[in-house]
Amino acid sequence: MTTALIDQTLGQLASSIPGASRIFHSFKLDFCCGGNTSLREAAATMGLDAGLIADALQALVAQPGDEPDWRKVQAGELIEHILARYHERHRDQFPELIRLARRVEQVHGNRPECPNGLAEHLWTMQQELESHMLKEEQVLFPMLLRGIPVTQVQGPISVMRLEHDHHGAALAKLAALTQDITPPAQACNTWRALYRGLEELRSDLMQHIHLENNILFAGGTLQA
């Protein structure tokens, strides 16, 4: 069984095994924008033991938790979840993160480990993500809610997938600016609060992209 898991893509595993995304987060595996990569290939690239990760996934299969299997709900229910859990959450996250980043840069900008440029990067991410979410809310999601099959809206979906790739690149830059969101040993409380928020943002955005790329846009939900 674990051999079969190893040869599946990260996106397939994250979609078919509720809770798999938590395991991928812990190993820093990109299951959203990099969802087409097999577990074997992704582990080899990161220097990880694919068998160990597959064993952890197999444990989830044997003892499933309480996370929903989003492939077994109507598309409208998944869209409602994405809007409430991720779109609204992202709109709440960015203003405070930008405020904290500006404060850290103002107070600690002379320290070599200070993430100078982070506030500006977060502001750019906010603008790009807001534009992206509005396109989904005003164009793509209403089409899907009207029952138009995903096969007939591949134009808008391809644009959303491309923008997801841009969001993934933005997360990579965020990690580079922050030593992979790792605060220095003597970081103040504001700095640590900022990085806790950044880690939450990264986790939320990756799960958000995964649900769209690997389930909703792939036609992986139940048809209305």
Protein backbone atom coordinates (compact mmCIF):
# COMPACT_ATOMS: atom_id res chain seq x y z
CA MET A 1 0.00 0.00 0.00
CA THR A 2 2.77 2.44 0.88
CA THR A 3 4.41 1.81 -2.51
CA ALA A 4 1.16 2.80 -4.20
CA LEU A 5 1.05 5.96 -2.11
CA ILE A 6 4.62 6.87 -2.98
CA ASP A 7 3.84 6.87 -6.69
CA GLN A 8 0.74 9.08 -6.40
CA THR A 9 0.99 12.83 -6.78
CA LEU A 10 0.91 15.12 -3.77
CA GLY A 11 -2.32 16.64 -5.06
CA GLN A 12 -3.97 13.22 -5.36
CA LEU A 13 -2.90 12.26 -1.85
CA ALA A 14 -4.00 15.55 -0.32
CA SER A 15 -7.38 15.16 -2.03
CA SER A 16 -8.00 11.51 -1.21
CA ILE A 17 -6.65 11.34 2.37
CA PRO A 18 -8.22 13.88 4.74
CA GLY A 19 -5.46 15.22 6.96
CA ALA A 20 -2.67 14.50 4.47
CA SER A 21 -2.04 18.21 4.02
CA ARG A 22 -0.97 18.48 7.68
CA ILE A 23 1.68 15.84 7.07
CA PHE A 24 2.87 17.58 3.92
CA HIS A 25 3.10 20.87 5.82
CA SER A 26 5.28 19.24 8.47
CA PHE A 27 7.70 18.03 5.78
CA LYS A 28 7.45 21.34 3.84
CA LEU A 29 6.14 19.59 0.72
CA ASP A 30 4.26 21.75 -1.79
CA PHE A 31 0.98 19.93 -2.40
CA CYS A 32 -0.86 22.92 -3.90
CA CYS A 33 1.08 24.50 -6.78
CA GLY A 34 3.37 21.45 -6.82
CA GLY A 35 0.47 19.03 -6.62
CA ASN A 36 1.34 17.26 -9.88
CA THR A 37 4.62 15.95 -8.46
CA SER A 38 4.69 12.40 -7.10
CA LEU A 39 5.52 11.82 -3.46
CA ARG A 40 8.58 9.86 -4.57
CA GLU A 41 9.91 12.75 -6.67
CA ALA A 42 9.04 15.45 -4.13
CA ALA A 43 10.72 13.55 -1.29
CA ALA A 44 13.84 12.91 -3.36
CA THR A 45 14.10 16.60 -4.23
CA MET A 46 13.90 17.54 -0.53
CA GLY A 47 16.19 14.74 0.62
CA LEU A 48 13.37 13.08 2.56
CA ASP A 49 12.41 9.45 3.14
CA ALA A 50 9.33 8.89 0.98
CA GLY A 51 8.59 5.62 2.78
CA LEU A 52 8.43 7.39 6.14
CA ILE A 53 5.97 9.94 4.77
CA ALA A 54 3.90 7.19 3.12
CA ASP A 55 3.74 5.34 6.46
CA ALA A 56 2.35 8.47 8.10
CA LEU A 57 -0.24 8.77 5.33
CA GLN A 58 -1.14 5.10 5.68
CA ALA A 59 -1.78 5.67 9.38
CA LEU A 60 -4.33 8.33 8.41
CA VAL A 61 -6.02 5.88 6.05
CA ALA A 62 -6.21 3.28 8.83
CA GLN A 63 -7.51 5.75 11.41
CA PRO A 64 -9.18 8.66 9.64
CA GLY A 65 -9.74 11.84 11.61
CA ASP A 66 -12.68 14.21 11.49
CA GLU A 67 -11.56 16.28 8.50
CA PRO A 68 -14.13 16.22 5.67
CA ASP A 69 -13.46 14.57 2.33
CA TRP A 70 -14.18 17.52 0.05
CA ARG A 71 -14.58 15.23 -2.96
CA LYS A 72 -17.82 13.95 -1.43
CA VAL A 73 -19.65 17.28 -1.20
CA GLN A 74 -21.47 19.37 -3.78
CA ALA A 75 -19.39 22.00 -5.55
CA GLY A 76 -21.53 24.71 -3.98
CA GLU A 77 -20.69 23.50 -0.48
CA LEU A 78 -16.97 23.55 -1.23
CA ILE A 79 -17.23 27.04 -2.73
CA GLU A 80 -19.10 28.24 0.37
CA HIS A 81 -16.32 26.79 2.54
CA ILE A 82 -13.59 28.44 0.46
CA LEU A 83 -15.31 31.82 0.67
CA ALA A 84 -15.91 31.70 4.41
CA ARG A 85 -12.76 29.93 5.55
CA TYR A 86 -10.17 31.37 3.17
CA HIS A 87 -11.33 34.45 1.26
CA GLU A 88 -12.63 36.21 4.35
CA ARG A 89 -9.73 34.98 6.47
CA HIS A 90 -7.11 36.31 4.04
CA ARG A 91 -8.81 39.70 4.08
CA ASP A 92 -8.48 39.72 7.87
CA GLN A 93 -4.88 38.48 7.92
CA PHE A 94 -3.04 40.93 5.70
CA PRO A 95 -3.71 44.31 7.36
CA GLU A 96 -2.39 43.12 10.73
CA LEU A 97 0.57 41.28 9.22
CA ILE A 98 1.55 44.38 7.26
CA ARG A 99 1.26 46.50 10.41
CA LEU A 100 3.46 44.10 12.38
CA ALA A 101 6.01 43.84 9.56
CA ARG A 102 6.33 47.62 9.34
CA ARG A 103 6.85 47.80 13.09
CA VAL A 104 9.57 45.13 13.05
CA GLU A 105 11.35 46.81 10.13
CA GLN A 106 11.17 50.22 11.83
CA VAL A 107 12.56 49.00 15.15
CA HIS A 108 14.97 46.28 14.03
CA GLY A 109 15.87 47.30 10.48
CA ASN A 110 19.57 47.54 11.31
CA ARG A 111 19.79 43.89 12.35
CA PRO A 112 21.03 41.54 9.60
CA GLU A 113 18.24 39.03 10.27
CA CYS A 114 15.49 41.65 9.99
CA PRO A 115 13.09 40.88 7.11
CA ASN A 116 13.52 44.25 5.41
CA GLY A 117 11.12 44.55 2.50
CA LEU A 118 8.60 42.17 4.05
CA ALA A 119 5.88 44.78 4.62
CA GLU A 120 6.06 45.87 0.98
CA HIS A 121 6.00 42.25 -0.18
CA LEU A 122 2.95 41.51 1.97
CA TRP A 123 1.18 44.59 0.58
CA THR A 124 1.85 43.34 -2.98
CA MET A 125 0.58 39.88 -2.04
CA GLN A 126 -2.55 41.44 -0.58
CA GLN A 127 -3.31 43.40 -3.75
CA GLU A 128 -2.72 40.42 -6.03
CA LEU A 129 -4.72 38.03 -3.88
CA GLU A 130 -7.63 40.46 -3.53
CA SER A 131 -7.78 40.85 -7.33
CA HIS A 132 -7.67 37.08 -7.70
CA MET A 133 -10.42 36.44 -5.16
CA LEU A 134 -12.69 39.03 -6.74
CA LYS A 135 -12.37 37.30 -10.12
CA GLU A 136 -13.43 34.04 -8.48
CA GLU A 137 -16.29 35.65 -6.58
CA GLN A 138 -17.64 37.68 -9.48
CA VAL A 139 -16.96 35.44 -12.47
CA LEU A 140 -15.83 31.83 -11.94
CA PHE A 141 -17.71 30.78 -8.82
CA PRO A 142 -21.09 32.07 -10.08
CA MET A 143 -20.57 30.07 -13.28
CA LEU A 144 -19.87 26.90 -11.30
CA LEU A 145 -22.82 27.56 -8.98
CA ARG A 146 -25.09 27.79 -12.03
CA GLY A 147 -24.08 24.23 -12.80
CA ILE A 148 -21.77 24.94 -15.72
CA PRO A 149 -19.32 21.98 -15.88
CA VAL A 150 -15.66 22.71 -15.22
CA THR A 151 -14.91 21.39 -18.71
CA GLN A 152 -16.75 24.41 -20.13
CA VAL A 153 -14.97 27.05 -18.03
CA GLN A 154 -11.38 26.03 -18.65
CA GLY A 155 -10.47 29.54 -19.80
CA PRO A 156 -11.17 31.21 -16.44
CA ILE A 157 -9.79 28.19 -14.59
CA SER A 158 -6.49 28.35 -16.48
CA VAL A 159 -6.14 32.01 -15.47
CA MET A 160 -6.82 31.13 -11.82
CA ARG A 161 -4.27 28.31 -11.92
CA LEU A 162 -1.65 30.64 -13.37
CA GLU A 163 -2.33 33.17 -10.64
CA HIS A 164 -2.06 30.39 -8.05
CA ASP A 165 1.44 29.74 -9.37
CA HIS A 166 2.21 33.42 -8.79
CA HIS A 167 0.91 33.12 -5.22
CA GLY A 168 3.17 30.12 -4.73
CA ALA A 169 6.15 32.15 -5.93
CA ALA A 170 5.15 34.92 -3.51
CA LEU A 171 5.15 32.41 -0.65
CA ALA A 172 8.63 31.29 -1.69
CA LYS A 173 9.85 34.90 -1.57
CA LEU A 174 8.20 35.34 1.82
CA ALA A 175 10.11 32.30 3.09
CA ALA A 176 13.37 33.69 1.69
CA LEU A 177 12.83 37.03 3.45
CA THR A 178 12.14 35.38 6.82
CA GLN A 179 14.59 32.47 7.00
CA ASP A 180 11.65 30.15 6.28
CA ILE A 181 9.53 32.05 8.84
CA THR A 182 11.98 31.35 11.63
CA PRO A 183 12.40 34.16 14.18
CA PRO A 184 15.90 34.80 15.57
CA ALA A 185 16.65 33.67 19.11
CA GLN A 186 16.36 37.19 20.56
CA ALA A 187 13.25 38.21 18.61
CA CYS A 188 10.83 40.49 20.45
CA ASN A 189 7.17 39.60 21.03
CA THR A 190 6.06 41.64 18.00
CA TRP A 191 8.52 39.80 15.76
CA ARG A 192 7.33 36.43 17.05
CA ALA A 193 3.67 37.40 16.66
CA LEU A 194 4.41 38.44 13.08
CA TYR A 195 6.01 35.11 12.24
CA ARG A 196 3.20 33.12 13.88
CA GLY A 197 0.80 35.01 11.66
CA LEU A 198 2.95 34.41 8.59
CA GLU A 199 3.03 30.67 9.28
CA GLU A 200 -0.76 30.65 9.57
CA LEU A 201 -1.05 32.63 6.33
CA ARG A 202 1.22 30.20 4.49
CA SER A 203 -0.71 27.18 5.76
CA ASP A 204 -4.07 28.74 4.92
CA LEU A 205 -3.05 29.89 1.45
CA MET A 206 -1.57 26.51 0.53
CA GLN A 207 -4.73 24.70 1.67
CA HIS A 208 -6.86 27.27 -0.18
CA ILE A 209 -4.96 26.71 -3.44
CA HIS A 210 -5.06 22.94 -2.97
CA LEU A 211 -8.83 22.84 -2.57
CA GLU A 212 -9.26 24.82 -5.77
CA ASN A 213 -6.52 23.33 -7.97
CA ASN A 214 -6.82 19.69 -6.98
CA ILE A 215 -10.53 19.34 -6.21
CA LEU A 216 -12.82 22.15 -7.37
CA PHE A 217 -11.06 23.00 -10.65
CA ALA A 218 -10.40 19.32 -11.35
CA GLY A 219 -14.12 18.54 -11.15
CA GLY A 220 -13.44 16.47 -8.04
CA THR A 221 -16.63 17.37 -6.16
CA LEU A 222 -20.06 15.82 -6.55
CA GLN A 223 -22.13 17.23 -9.37
CA ALA A 224 -25.22 19.21 -8.44
